[in-house]
């Protein structure tokens, strides 16, 4: 394979490593990400973190924070909280 030349710096494509996105460990995060609000937020938010809060009754609350603009759930800009109803005992 011929090395790619970018400017005067040679780049060997055999040495390039890719890091695929990991699937979220909690199914509630995936459901929230596929909701209309989740898709809109994740379309522009970078460096994101998520947390799942189990409520006493009803849905769980998925908090997604874009770390460029917010630091914690509930911040006025850069954070979103999405209620998600899980079927059955999917969390257990």
PDB file of N, CA and C in Angstrom:
ATOM      1  N   UNK A   1       0.844  -1.174   0.000  1.00  0.00           N
ATOM      2  CA  UNK A   1       0.000   0.000   0.000  1.00  0.00           C
ATOM      3  C   UNK A   1       0.888   1.235   0.000  1.00  0.00           C
ATOM      4  N   UNK A   2       0.507   2.193  -0.801  1.00  0.00           N
ATOM      5  CA  UNK A   2       1.272   3.434  -0.922  1.00  0.00           C
ATOM      6  C   UNK A   2       0.871   4.374   0.206  1.00  0.00           C
ATOM      7  N   UNK A   3       1.855   4.927   0.942  1.00  0.00           N
ATOM      8  CA  UNK A   3       1.512   5.868   2.015  1.00  0.00           C
ATOM      9  C   UNK A   3       0.843   7.120   1.447  1.00  0.00           C
ATOM     10  N   UNK A   4      -0.126   7.612   2.148  1.00  0.00           N
ATOM     11  CA  UNK A   4      -0.829   8.838   1.780  1.00  0.00           C
ATOM     12  C   UNK A   4       0.041  10.017   2.194  1.00  0.00           C
ATOM     13  N   UNK A   5       0.171  10.974   1.325  1.00  0.00           N
ATOM     14  CA  UNK A   5       0.959  12.164   1.663  1.00  0.00           C
ATOM     15  C   UNK A   5       0.017  13.336   1.856  1.00  0.00           C
ATOM     16  N   UNK A   6       0.078  13.882   3.038  1.00  0.00           N
ATOM     17  CA  UNK A   6      -0.708  15.063   3.355  1.00  0.00           C
ATOM     18  C   UNK A   6       0.292  16.157   3.627  1.00  0.00           C
ATOM     19  N   UNK A   7       0.389  17.067   2.724  1.00  0.00           N
ATOM     20  CA  UNK A   7       1.422  18.067   2.769  1.00  0.00           C
ATOM     21  C   UNK A   7       2.763  17.347   2.663  1.00  0.00           C
ATOM     22  N   UNK A   8       3.697  17.625   3.539  1.00  0.00           N
ATOM     23  CA  UNK A   8       4.997  16.950   3.481  1.00  0.00           C
ATOM     24  C   UNK A   8       5.106  15.857   4.536  1.00  0.00           C
ATOM     25  N   UNK A   9       4.002  15.587   5.246  1.00  0.00           N
ATOM     26  CA  UNK A   9       4.008  14.586   6.307  1.00  0.00           C
ATOM     27  C   UNK A   9       3.407  13.295   5.770  1.00  0.00           C
ATOM     28  N   UNK A  10       4.194  12.199   5.703  1.00  0.00           N
ATOM     29  CA  UNK A  10       3.627  10.938   5.209  1.00  0.00           C
ATOM     30  C   UNK A  10       2.724  10.288   6.270  1.00  0.00           C
ATOM     31  N   UNK A  11       1.614   9.737   5.828  1.00  0.00           N
ATOM     32  CA  UNK A  11       0.679   9.061   6.710  1.00  0.00           C
ATOM     33  C   UNK A  11       0.479   7.650   6.189  1.00  0.00           C
ATOM     34  N   UNK A  12       0.786   6.675   7.020  1.00  0.00           N
ATOM     35  CA  UNK A  12       0.595   5.281   6.647  1.00  0.00           C
ATOM     36  C   UNK A  12      -0.784   4.842   7.120  1.00  0.00           C
ATOM     37  N   UNK A  13      -1.662   4.505   6.185  1.00  0.00           N
ATOM     38  CA  UNK A  13      -3.028   4.139   6.544  1.00  0.00           C
ATOM     39  C   UNK A  13      -3.100   2.838   7.342  1.00  0.00           C
ATOM     40  N   UNK A  14      -2.056   2.026   7.306  1.00  0.00           N
ATOM     41  CA  UNK A  14      -2.046   0.806   8.113  1.00  0.00           C
ATOM     42  C   UNK A  14      -1.908   1.111   9.598  1.00  0.00           C
ATOM     43  N   UNK A  15      -1.430   2.283   9.926  1.00  0.00           N
ATOM     44  CA  UNK A  15      -1.251   2.658  11.322  1.00  0.00           C
ATOM     45  C   UNK A  15      -2.423   3.440  11.897  1.00  0.00           C
ATOM     46  N   UNK A  16      -3.455   3.673  11.094  1.00  0.00           N
ATOM     47  CA  UNK A  16      -4.616   4.435  11.552  1.00  0.00           C
ATOM     48  C   UNK A  16      -5.542   3.510  12.332  1.00  0.00           C
ATOM     49  N   UNK A  17      -5.957   3.957  13.494  1.00  0.00           N
ATOM     50  CA  UNK A  17      -6.857   3.185  14.345  1.00  0.00           C
ATOM     51  C   UNK A  17      -8.206   3.870  14.392  1.00  0.00           C
ATOM     52  N   UNK A  18      -9.268   3.084  14.337  1.00  0.00           N
ATOM     53  CA  UNK A  18     -10.609   3.664  14.473  1.00  0.00           C
ATOM     54  C   UNK A  18     -11.200   3.223  15.799  1.00  0.00           C
ATOM     55  N   UNK A  19     -12.016   4.070  16.349  1.00  0.00           N
ATOM     56  CA  UNK A  19     -12.672   3.794  17.619  1.00  0.00           C
ATOM     57  C   UNK A  19     -14.179   3.874  17.411  1.00  0.00           C
ATOM     58  N   UNK A  20     -14.832   2.743  17.183  1.00  0.00           N
ATOM     59  CA  UNK A  20     -16.283   2.784  16.965  1.00  0.00           C
ATOM     60  C   UNK A  20     -17.016   3.196  18.229  1.00  0.00           C
ATOM     61  N   UNK A  21     -18.178   3.810  18.033  1.00  0.00           N
ATOM     62  CA  UNK A  21     -18.991   4.205  19.179  1.00  0.00           C
ATOM     63  C   UNK A  21     -19.494   2.965  19.888  1.00  0.00           C
ATOM     64  N   UNK A  22     -19.440   3.029  21.197  1.00  0.00           N
ATOM     65  CA  UNK A  22     -19.957   1.924  21.996  1.00  0.00           C
ATOM     66  C   UNK A  22     -21.460   2.080  22.156  1.00  0.00           C
ATOM     67  N   UNK A  23     -22.139   0.971  22.231  1.00  0.00           N
ATOM     68  CA  UNK A  23     -23.568   1.001  22.491  1.00  0.00           C
ATOM     69  C   UNK A  23     -23.791   1.371  23.947  1.00  0.00           C
ATOM     70  N   UNK A  24     -24.835   2.128  24.247  1.00  0.00           N
ATOM     71  CA  UNK A  24     -25.088   2.474  25.645  1.00  0.00           C
ATOM     72  C   UNK A  24     -25.406   1.226  26.463  1.00  0.00           C
ATOM     73  N   UNK A  25     -24.876   1.131  27.677  1.00  0.00           N
ATOM     74  CA  UNK A  25     -25.092  -0.072  28.485  1.00  0.00           C
ATOM     75  C   UNK A  25     -26.518  -0.215  28.999  1.00  0.00           C
ATOM     76  N   UNK A  26     -27.232   0.883  29.115  1.00  0.00           N
ATOM     77  CA  UNK A  26     -28.581   0.846  29.646  1.00  0.00           C
ATOM     78  C   UNK A  26     -29.575   1.017  28.502  1.00  0.00           C
ATOM     79  N   UNK A  27     -30.570   0.139  28.383  1.00  0.00           N
ATOM     80  CA  UNK A  27     -31.527   0.270  27.277  1.00  0.00           C
ATOM     81  C   UNK A  27     -32.340   1.563  27.337  1.00  0.00           C
ATOM     82  N   UNK A  28     -32.485   2.159  28.502  1.00  0.00           N
ATOM     83  CA  UNK A  28     -33.221   3.425  28.612  1.00  0.00           C
ATOM     84  C   UNK A  28     -32.499   4.540  27.870  1.00  0.00           C
ATOM     85  N   UNK A  29     -31.173   4.520  27.872  1.00  0.00           N
ATOM     86  CA  UNK A  29     -30.398   5.542  27.168  1.00  0.00           C
ATOM     87  C   UNK A  29     -30.640   5.427  25.665  1.00  0.00           C
ATOM     88  N   UNK A  30     -30.672   4.206  25.164  1.00  0.00           N
ATOM     89  CA  UNK A  30     -30.927   3.986  23.747  1.00  0.00           C
ATOM     90  C   UNK A  30     -32.329   4.451  23.361  1.00  0.00           C
ATOM     91  N   UNK A  31     -33.313   4.148  24.184  1.00  0.00           N
ATOM     92  CA  UNK A  31     -34.684   4.602  23.909  1.00  0.00           C
ATOM     93  C   UNK A  31     -34.777   6.124  23.922  1.00  0.00           C
ATOM     94  N   UNK A  32     -34.106   6.765  24.868  1.00  0.00           N
ATOM     95  CA  UNK A  32     -34.120   8.228  24.937  1.00  0.00           C
ATOM     96  C   UNK A  32     -33.425   8.840  23.722  1.00  0.00           C
ATOM     97  N   UNK A  33     -32.333   8.225  23.291  1.00  0.00           N
ATOM     98  CA  UNK A  33     -31.587   8.744  22.137  1.00  0.00           C
ATOM     99  C   UNK A  33     -32.404   8.662  20.855  1.00  0.00           C
ATOM    100  N   UNK A  34     -33.308   7.716  20.776  1.00  0.00           N
ATOM    101  CA  UNK A  34     -34.130   7.560  19.575  1.00  0.00           C
ATOM    102  C   UNK A  34     -35.452   8.320  19.640  1.00  0.00           C
ATOM    103  N   UNK A  35     -35.718   9.005  20.741  1.00  0.00           N
ATOM    104  CA  UNK A  35     -36.922   9.834  20.839  1.00  0.00           C
ATOM    105  C   UNK A  35     -36.705  11.107  20.019  1.00  0.00           C
ATOM    106  N   UNK A  36     -37.774  11.801  19.635  1.00  0.00           N
ATOM    107  CA  UNK A  36     -37.591  13.041  18.863  1.00  0.00           C
ATOM    108  C   UNK A  36     -36.704  14.075  19.572  1.00  0.00           C
ATOM    109  N   UNK A  37     -36.931  14.280  20.869  1.00  0.00           N
ATOM    110  CA  UNK A  37     -36.105  15.230  21.622  1.00  0.00           C
ATOM    111  C   UNK A  37     -34.658  14.753  21.708  1.00  0.00           C
ATOM    112  N   UNK A  38     -34.471  13.464  21.940  1.00  0.00           N
ATOM    113  CA  UNK A  38     -33.120  12.912  22.014  1.00  0.00           C
ATOM    114  C   UNK A  38     -32.369  13.051  20.705  1.00  0.00           C
ATOM    115  N   UNK A  39     -33.033  12.780  19.577  1.00  0.00           N
ATOM    116  CA  UNK A  39     -32.382  12.920  18.267  1.00  0.00           C
ATOM    117  C   UNK A  39     -31.983  14.362  17.998  1.00  0.00           C
ATOM    118  N   UNK A  40     -32.878  15.311  18.341  1.00  0.00           N
ATOM    119  CA  UNK A  40     -32.542  16.734  18.129  1.00  0.00           C
ATOM    120  C   UNK A  40     -31.349  17.144  18.980  1.00  0.00           C
ATOM    121  N   UNK A  41     -31.359  16.744  20.253  1.00  0.00           N
ATOM    122  CA  UNK A  41     -30.271  17.138  21.149  1.00  0.00           C
ATOM    123  C   UNK A  41     -28.956  16.499  20.726  1.00  0.00           C
ATOM    124  N   UNK A  42     -28.966  15.211  20.427  1.00  0.00           N
ATOM    125  CA  UNK A  42     -27.735  14.516  20.069  1.00  0.00           C
ATOM    126  C   UNK A  42     -27.213  14.907  18.695  1.00  0.00           C
ATOM    127  N   UNK A  43     -28.056  15.577  17.900  1.00  0.00           N
ATOM    128  CA  UNK A  43     -27.615  16.039  16.596  1.00  0.00           C
ATOM    129  C   UNK A  43     -26.566  17.136  16.676  1.00  0.00           C
ATOM    130  N   UNK A  44     -26.547  17.895  17.744  1.00  0.00           N
ATOM    131  CA  UNK A  44     -25.564  18.979  17.862  1.00  0.00           C
ATOM    132  C   UNK A  44     -24.668  18.852  19.090  1.00  0.00           C
ATOM    133  N   UNK A  45     -25.081  18.092  20.089  1.00  0.00           N
ATOM    134  CA  UNK A  45     -24.292  17.997  21.330  1.00  0.00           C
ATOM    135  C   UNK A  45     -23.087  17.085  21.119  1.00  0.00           C
ATOM    136  N   UNK A  46     -21.948  17.559  21.513  1.00  0.00           N
ATOM    137  CA  UNK A  46     -20.748  16.725  21.443  1.00  0.00           C
ATOM    138  C   UNK A  46     -20.211  16.500  22.855  1.00  0.00           C
ATOM    139  N   UNK A  47     -19.368  15.528  23.009  1.00  0.00           N
ATOM    140  CA  UNK A  47     -18.812  15.175  24.317  1.00  0.00           C
ATOM    141  C   UNK A  47     -19.940  14.956  25.326  1.00  0.00           C
ATOM    142  N   UNK A  48     -20.786  13.980  25.042  1.00  0.00           N
ATOM    143  CA  UNK A  48     -21.979  13.780  25.849  1.00  0.00           C
ATOM    144  C   UNK A  48     -21.788  12.705  26.900  1.00  0.00           C
ATOM    145  N   UNK A  49     -22.513  12.875  27.953  1.00  0.00           N
ATOM    146  CA  UNK A  49     -22.584  11.890  29.031  1.00  0.00           C
ATOM    147  C   UNK A  49     -24.045  11.685  29.352  1.00  0.00           C
ATOM    148  N   UNK A  50     -24.377  10.480  29.786  1.00  0.00           N
ATOM    149  CA  UNK A  50     -25.769  10.206  30.146  1.00  0.00           C
ATOM    150  C   UNK A  50     -25.828   9.513  31.495  1.00  0.00           C
ATOM    151  N   UNK A  51     -26.954   9.701  32.154  1.00  0.00           N
ATOM    152  CA  UNK A  51     -27.210   9.055  33.443  1.00  0.00           C
ATOM    153  C   UNK A  51     -28.685   8.693  33.488  1.00  0.00           C
ATOM    154  N   UNK A  52     -28.983   7.585  34.140  1.00  0.00           N
ATOM    155  CA  UNK A  52     -30.363   7.124  34.266  1.00  0.00           C
ATOM    156  C   UNK A  52     -30.773   7.236  35.726  1.00  0.00           C
ATOM    157  N   UNK A  53     -31.887   7.925  35.949  1.00  0.00           N
ATOM    158  CA  UNK A  53     -32.421   8.086  37.296  1.00  0.00           C
ATOM    159  C   UNK A  53     -33.705   7.267  37.389  1.00  0.00           C
ATOM    160  N   UNK A  54     -33.715   6.303  38.284  1.00  0.00           N
ATOM    161  CA  UNK A  54     -34.913   5.495  38.476  1.00  0.00           C
ATOM    162  C   UNK A  54     -35.846   6.230  39.433  1.00  0.00           C
ATOM    163  N   UNK A  55     -37.055   6.482  38.983  1.00  0.00           N
ATOM    164  CA  UNK A  55     -38.035   7.183  39.785  1.00  0.00           C
ATOM    165  C   UNK A  55     -38.843   6.169  40.596  1.00  0.00           C
ATOM    166  N   UNK A  56     -39.507   6.639  41.628  1.00  0.00           N
ATOM    167  CA  UNK A  56     -40.285   5.741  42.489  1.00  0.00           C
ATOM    168  C   UNK A  56     -41.395   5.054  41.708  1.00  0.00           C
ATOM    169  N   UNK A  57     -42.073   5.788  40.860  1.00  0.00           N
ATOM    170  CA  UNK A  57     -43.156   5.222  40.061  1.00  0.00           C
ATOM    171  C   UNK A  57     -43.061   5.763  38.643  1.00  0.00           C
ATOM    172  N   UNK A  58     -43.531   4.966  37.707  1.00  0.00           N
ATOM    173  CA  UNK A  58     -43.598   5.423  36.330  1.00  0.00           C
ATOM    174  C   UNK A  58     -42.295   5.283  35.581  1.00  0.00           C
ATOM    175  N   UNK A  59     -42.053   6.213  34.652  1.00  0.00           N
ATOM    176  CA  UNK A  59     -40.892   6.079  33.774  1.00  0.00           C
ATOM    177  C   UNK A  59     -39.575   6.372  34.504  1.00  0.00           C
ATOM    178  N   UNK A  60     -38.478   5.988  33.864  1.00  0.00           N
ATOM    179  CA  UNK A  60     -37.156   6.391  34.349  1.00  0.00           C
ATOM    180  C   UNK A  60     -36.807   7.696  33.647  1.00  0.00           C
ATOM    181  N   UNK A  61     -35.932   8.474  34.224  1.00  0.00           N
ATOM    182  CA  UNK A  61     -35.518   9.746  33.646  1.00  0.00           C
ATOM    183  C   UNK A  61     -34.091   9.588  33.134  1.00  0.00           C
ATOM    184  N   UNK A  62     -33.905   9.849  31.856  1.00  0.00           N
ATOM    185  CA  UNK A  62     -32.572   9.786  31.251  1.00  0.00           C
ATOM    186  C   UNK A  62     -32.074  11.211  31.098  1.00  0.00           C
ATOM    187  N   UNK A  63     -30.951  11.497  31.716  1.00  0.00           N
ATOM    188  CA  UNK A  63     -30.328  12.824  31.639  1.00  0.00           C
ATOM    189  C   UNK A  63     -29.151  12.731  30.672  1.00  0.00           C
ATOM    190  N   UNK A  64     -29.142  13.593  29.677  1.00  0.00           N
ATOM    191  CA  UNK A  64     -28.031  13.657  28.724  1.00  0.00           C
ATOM    192  C   UNK A  64     -27.439  15.056  28.814  1.00  0.00           C
ATOM    193  N   UNK A  65     -26.136  15.124  29.008  1.00  0.00           N
ATOM    194  CA  UNK A  65     -25.447  16.402  29.179  1.00  0.00           C
ATOM    195  C   UNK A  65     -24.392  16.538  28.092  1.00  0.00           C
ATOM    196  N   UNK A  66     -24.432  17.638  27.357  1.00  0.00           N
ATOM    197  CA  UNK A  66     -23.382  17.981  26.399  1.00  0.00           C
ATOM    198  C   UNK A  66     -22.299  18.743  27.152  1.00  0.00           C
ATOM    199  N   UNK A  67     -21.169  18.115  27.360  1.00  0.00           N
ATOM    200  CA  UNK A  67     -20.156  18.666  28.274  1.00  0.00           C
ATOM    201  C   UNK A  67     -19.473  19.934  27.775  1.00  0.00           C
ATOM    202  N   UNK A  68     -19.682  20.311  26.539  1.00  0.00           N
ATOM    203  CA  UNK A  68     -19.120  21.589  26.077  1.00  0.00           C
ATOM    204  C   UNK A  68     -19.860  22.768  26.678  1.00  0.00           C
ATOM    205  N   UNK A  69     -21.152  22.573  27.000  1.00  0.00           N
ATOM    206  CA  UNK A  69     -21.972  23.687  27.451  1.00  0.00           C
ATOM    207  C   UNK A  69     -22.557  23.517  28.842  1.00  0.00           C
ATOM    208  N   UNK A  70     -22.553  22.336  29.376  1.00  0.00           N
ATOM    209  CA  UNK A  70     -23.175  22.084  30.682  1.00  0.00           C
ATOM    210  C   UNK A  70     -22.309  21.112  31.465  1.00  0.00           C
ATOM    211  N   UNK A  71     -22.548  21.055  32.754  1.00  0.00           N
ATOM    212  CA  UNK A  71     -21.792  20.147  33.611  1.00  0.00           C
ATOM    213  C   UNK A  71     -22.677  19.146  34.345  1.00  0.00           C
ATOM    214  N   UNK A  72     -23.972  19.468  34.467  1.00  0.00           N
ATOM    215  CA  UNK A  72     -24.847  18.595  35.246  1.00  0.00           C
ATOM    216  C   UNK A  72     -26.256  18.617  34.665  1.00  0.00           C
ATOM    217  N   UNK A  73     -27.034  17.556  34.919  1.00  0.00           N
ATOM    218  CA  UNK A  73     -28.432  17.575  34.501  1.00  0.00           C
ATOM    219  C   UNK A  73     -29.152  18.770  35.125  1.00  0.00           C
ATOM    220  N   UNK A  74     -30.037  19.363  34.357  1.00  0.00           N
ATOM    221  CA  UNK A  74     -30.785  20.507  34.862  1.00  0.00           C
ATOM    222  C   UNK A  74     -30.167  21.847  34.523  1.00  0.00           C
ATOM    223  N   UNK A  75     -28.948  21.853  33.974  1.00  0.00           N
ATOM    224  CA  UNK A  75     -28.375  23.126  33.531  1.00  0.00           C
ATOM    225  C   UNK A  75     -29.274  23.707  32.449  1.00  0.00           C
ATOM    226  N   UNK A  76     -29.333  25.022  32.371  1.00  0.00           N
ATOM    227  CA  UNK A  76     -30.297  25.673  31.480  1.00  0.00           C
ATOM    228  C   UNK A  76     -29.997  25.433  30.010  1.00  0.00           C
ATOM    229  N   UNK A  77     -28.740  25.286  29.642  1.00  0.00           N
ATOM    230  CA  UNK A  77     -28.386  25.055  28.243  1.00  0.00           C
ATOM    231  C   UNK A  77     -27.376  23.922  28.189  1.00  0.00           C
ATOM    232  N   UNK A  78     -27.542  23.025  27.274  1.00  0.00           N
ATOM    233  CA  UNK A  78     -26.583  21.946  27.099  1.00  0.00           C
ATOM    234  C   UNK A  78     -26.933  20.679  27.841  1.00  0.00           C
ATOM    235  N   UNK A  79     -28.139  20.594  28.372  1.00  0.00           N
ATOM    236  CA  UNK A  79     -28.564  19.385  29.080  1.00  0.00           C
ATOM    237  C   UNK A  79     -30.038  19.144  28.792  1.00  0.00           C
ATOM    238  N   UNK A  80     -30.421  17.879  28.749  1.00  0.00           N
ATOM    239  CA  UNK A  80     -31.813  17.522  28.518  1.00  0.00           C
ATOM    240  C   UNK A  80     -32.155  16.317  29.382  1.00  0.00           C
ATOM    241  N   UNK A  81     -33.386  16.261  29.848  1.00  0.00           N
ATOM    242  CA  UNK A  81     -33.883  15.120  30.620  1.00  0.00           C
ATOM    243  C   UNK A  81     -35.104  14.563  29.897  1.00  0.00           C
ATOM    244  N   UNK A  82     -35.067  13.266  29.618  1.00  0.00           N
ATOM    245  CA  UNK A  82     -36.112  12.636  28.826  1.00  0.00           C
ATOM    246  C   UNK A  82     -36.718  11.489  29.625  1.00  0.00           C
ATOM    247  N   UNK A  83     -38.029  11.537  29.888  1.00  0.00           N
ATOM    248  CA  UNK A  83     -38.667  10.404  30.571  1.00  0.00           C
ATOM    249  C   UNK A  83     -38.842   9.241  29.597  1.00  0.00           C
ATOM    250  N   UNK A  84     -38.508   8.047  30.061  1.00  0.00           N
ATOM    251  CA  UNK A  84     -38.590   6.851  29.216  1.00  0.00           C
ATOM    252  C   UNK A  84     -39.341   5.766  29.982  1.00  0.00           C
ATOM    253  N   UNK A  85     -40.321   5.175  29.350  1.00  0.00           N
ATOM    254  CA  UNK A  85     -41.060   4.062  29.940  1.00  0.00           C
ATOM    255  C   UNK A  85     -40.477   2.771  29.386  1.00  0.00           C
ATOM    256  N   UNK A  86     -39.991   1.945  30.263  1.00  0.00           N
ATOM    257  CA  UNK A  86     -39.394   0.663  29.868  1.00  0.00           C
ATOM    258  C   UNK A  86     -40.417  -0.451  29.985  1.00  0.00           C
ATOM    259  N   UNK A  87     -40.462  -1.317  29.005  1.00  0.00           N
ATOM    260  CA  UNK A  87     -41.391  -2.445  29.088  1.00  0.00           C
ATOM    261  C   UNK A  87     -40.921  -3.491  30.108  1.00  0.00           C
ATOM    262  N   UNK A  88     -41.814  -3.918  30.985  1.00  0.00           N
ATOM    263  CA  UNK A  88     -41.511  -4.994  31.924  1.00  0.00           C
ATOM    264  C   UNK A  88     -40.334  -4.707  32.834  1.00  0.00           C
ATOM    265  N   UNK A  89     -39.511  -5.694  33.015  1.00  0.00           N
ATOM    266  CA  UNK A  89     -38.341  -5.576  33.902  1.00  0.00           C
ATOM    267  C   UNK A  89     -37.062  -5.548  33.075  1.00  0.00           C
ATOM    268  N   UNK A  90     -37.005  -4.676  32.088  1.00  0.00           N
ATOM    269  CA  UNK A  90     -35.868  -4.624  31.179  1.00  0.00           C
ATOM    270  C   UNK A  90     -34.585  -4.174  31.878  1.00  0.00           C
ATOM    271  N   UNK A  91     -34.689  -3.413  32.978  1.00  0.00           N
ATOM    272  CA  UNK A  91     -33.507  -2.939  33.702  1.00  0.00           C
ATOM    273  C   UNK A  91     -32.911  -4.011  34.599  1.00  0.00           C
ATOM    274  N   UNK A  92     -33.655  -5.044  34.935  1.00  0.00           N
ATOM    275  CA  UNK A  92     -33.172  -6.018  35.904  1.00  0.00           C
ATOM    276  C   UNK A  92     -32.366  -7.105  35.277  1.00  0.00           C
TER     277      UNK A  92
END
